[in-house]
Amino acid sequence: MAIQISPASPQDAQDLARLVILGNADDAMFTRVVSPSLNATPVQRAEQLRWRTERNRANMQRAGAHWFKAVDTSTGETVGFAGVIAPQSEESKWDGKLSETMDEKWFGVYMGAVGGKKEALLGGREDVWCEFLCFSC
């Protein structure tokens, strides 16, 4: 499989949202954010895709955002992506709004784990952060 890396745009947001969901399908903590029972309904899954797509689009348009996609050249399918966001002013940061179907408690636990990993990797550095690095091959 030959892979081509190119900049991603807001038009790619839904493909990238699908990869986040697929890439975390076996992660119980991530899944609990969508459905605490670990059995998301079709409505919850559709809402999660809508919310992540909207969030991706907003993140891609933030100052200092650099998003790239990996495309399988034989199929044209997006199989991976990375989003790197440089430091921003407070007003340009994510507004924190969750999808109505998401579990706020589990989202807090999940983001605490992500923040812990960020701290372990970068210490107190705030100059760069990889928003997502997801591959599905």
Protein backbone atom coordinates (compact mmCIF):
# COMPACT_ATOMS: atom_id res chain seq x y z
CA MET A 1 0.00 0.00 0.00
CA ALA A 2 1.46 3.35 -1.05
CA ILE A 3 0.59 6.26 1.23
CA GLN A 4 0.54 9.91 0.27
CA ILE A 5 0.74 12.56 2.99
CA SER A 6 -0.92 15.87 2.20
CA PRO A 7 -2.51 18.76 4.08
CA ALA A 8 -6.01 18.07 5.39
CA SER A 9 -8.76 20.64 5.04
CA PRO A 10 -12.09 21.23 6.79
CA GLN A 11 -13.70 19.22 3.94
CA ASP A 12 -11.83 16.17 5.33
CA ALA A 13 -13.26 16.62 8.83
CA GLN A 14 -15.82 13.80 8.65
CA ASP A 15 -13.30 11.26 7.29
CA LEU A 16 -10.94 12.18 10.13
CA ALA A 17 -13.75 11.92 12.70
CA ARG A 18 -14.50 8.39 11.47
CA LEU A 19 -10.83 7.49 11.97
CA VAL A 20 -10.85 8.79 15.56
CA ILE A 21 -13.90 6.68 16.36
CA LEU A 22 -12.54 3.61 14.56
CA GLY A 23 -9.07 4.04 16.03
CA ASN A 24 -10.49 4.10 19.56
CA ALA A 25 -13.13 1.39 19.13
CA ASP A 26 -11.29 -0.99 21.49
CA ASP A 27 -10.59 1.68 24.11
CA ALA A 28 -13.14 1.23 26.90
CA MET A 29 -12.51 4.68 28.39
CA PHE A 30 -13.00 6.40 25.03
CA THR A 31 -16.12 4.31 24.35
CA ARG A 32 -17.60 5.19 27.76
CA VAL A 33 -17.51 8.86 26.79
CA VAL A 34 -20.03 8.02 24.04
CA SER A 35 -21.99 5.43 26.01
CA PRO A 36 -21.29 4.62 29.69
CA SER A 37 -22.84 1.17 29.13
CA LEU A 38 -20.29 0.50 26.32
CA ASN A 39 -23.23 -0.24 24.01
CA ALA A 40 -23.72 2.93 22.00
CA THR A 41 -27.00 3.19 20.17
CA PRO A 42 -27.11 4.15 16.47
CA VAL A 43 -28.30 7.62 17.56
CA GLN A 44 -25.32 7.99 19.94
CA ARG A 45 -22.88 6.84 17.22
CA ALA A 46 -24.34 9.26 14.67
CA GLU A 47 -24.22 12.11 17.18
CA GLN A 48 -20.61 11.26 18.06
CA LEU A 49 -19.65 11.43 14.36
CA ARG A 50 -21.49 14.75 13.96
CA TRP A 51 -19.86 16.24 17.07
CA ARG A 52 -16.34 15.06 16.19
CA THR A 53 -16.74 16.31 12.61
CA GLU A 54 -17.80 19.74 13.89
CA ARG A 55 -14.94 19.81 16.39
CA ASN A 56 -12.40 18.77 13.73
CA ARG A 57 -13.58 21.55 11.42
CA ALA A 58 -13.25 24.12 14.19
CA ASN A 59 -9.80 22.84 15.22
CA MET A 60 -8.56 22.87 11.62
CA GLN A 61 -9.44 26.54 11.33
CA ARG A 62 -7.69 27.60 14.55
CA ALA A 63 -4.61 29.78 14.37
CA GLY A 64 -1.47 27.64 14.42
CA ALA A 65 -3.27 24.45 13.33
CA HIS A 66 -1.50 22.09 10.94
CA TRP A 67 -3.44 18.99 9.89
CA PHE A 68 -2.25 16.28 7.53
CA LYS A 69 -3.93 13.20 6.13
CA ALA A 70 -2.50 9.90 4.93
CA VAL A 71 -4.25 8.56 1.83
CA ASP A 72 -3.93 5.06 0.38
CA THR A 73 -3.09 5.94 -3.23
CA SER A 74 -4.58 2.70 -4.59
CA THR A 75 -8.04 3.30 -3.08
CA GLY A 76 -8.14 7.04 -2.37
CA GLU A 77 -9.20 6.20 1.19
CA THR A 78 -7.95 8.36 4.06
CA VAL A 79 -6.24 5.90 6.40
CA GLY A 80 -4.60 8.21 8.91
CA PHE A 81 -4.07 11.76 10.04
CA ALA A 82 -2.26 14.00 12.48
CA GLY A 83 -3.23 17.39 13.81
CA VAL A 84 -0.71 19.66 15.46
CA ILE A 85 -1.83 22.87 17.12
CA ALA A 86 0.61 25.58 18.18
CA PRO A 87 -0.13 27.71 21.26
CA GLN A 88 -3.18 29.90 21.06
CA SER A 89 -4.71 32.77 22.88
CA GLU A 90 -7.40 31.84 25.38
CA GLU A 91 -10.19 33.05 23.09
CA SER A 92 -9.14 30.67 20.30
CA LYS A 93 -9.19 27.52 22.45
CA TRP A 94 -11.93 24.88 22.28
CA ASP A 95 -15.17 26.00 23.92
CA GLY A 96 -15.58 22.74 25.84
CA LYS A 97 -19.07 21.97 24.55
CA LEU A 98 -19.84 18.27 24.44
CA SER A 99 -22.36 16.44 22.35
CA GLU A 100 -25.68 15.99 24.14
CA THR A 101 -25.24 12.21 24.08
CA MET A 102 -21.75 12.25 25.63
CA ASP A 103 -21.07 11.45 29.25
CA GLU A 104 -19.45 14.49 30.88
CA LYS A 105 -17.97 12.49 33.77
CA TRP A 106 -16.21 9.99 31.50
CA PHE A 107 -15.08 12.77 29.16
CA GLY A 108 -13.38 14.41 32.16
CA VAL A 109 -11.68 11.13 33.10
CA TYR A 110 -10.57 10.60 29.48
CA MET A 111 -9.22 14.15 29.12
CA GLY A 112 -7.44 13.81 32.47
CA ALA A 113 -5.62 10.76 31.11
CA VAL A 114 -4.76 12.61 27.89
CA GLY A 115 -3.52 15.58 29.93
CA GLY A 116 -1.40 13.25 32.06
CA LYS A 117 0.19 11.78 28.94
CA LYS A 118 0.83 15.28 27.58
CA GLU A 119 2.49 16.28 30.85
CA ALA A 120 4.63 13.11 30.85
CA LEU A 121 5.76 13.71 27.26
CA LEU A 122 6.13 17.50 27.19
CA GLY A 123 6.45 18.57 30.79
CA GLY A 124 5.20 22.13 31.11
CA ARG A 125 5.70 22.92 27.42
CA GLU A 126 2.71 24.57 25.80
CA ASP A 127 4.39 25.42 22.50
CA VAL A 128 2.96 22.48 20.57
CA TRP A 129 0.46 19.67 21.03
CA CYS A 130 -0.51 16.82 18.77
CA GLU A 131 -4.29 16.91 18.69
CA PHE A 132 -4.65 13.45 17.18
CA LEU A 133 -2.52 10.85 15.52
CA CYS A 134 -4.75 8.13 14.13
CA PHE A 135 -4.21 5.38 11.60
CA SER A 136 -6.48 2.63 10.33
CA CYS A 137 -4.86 0.21 7.91
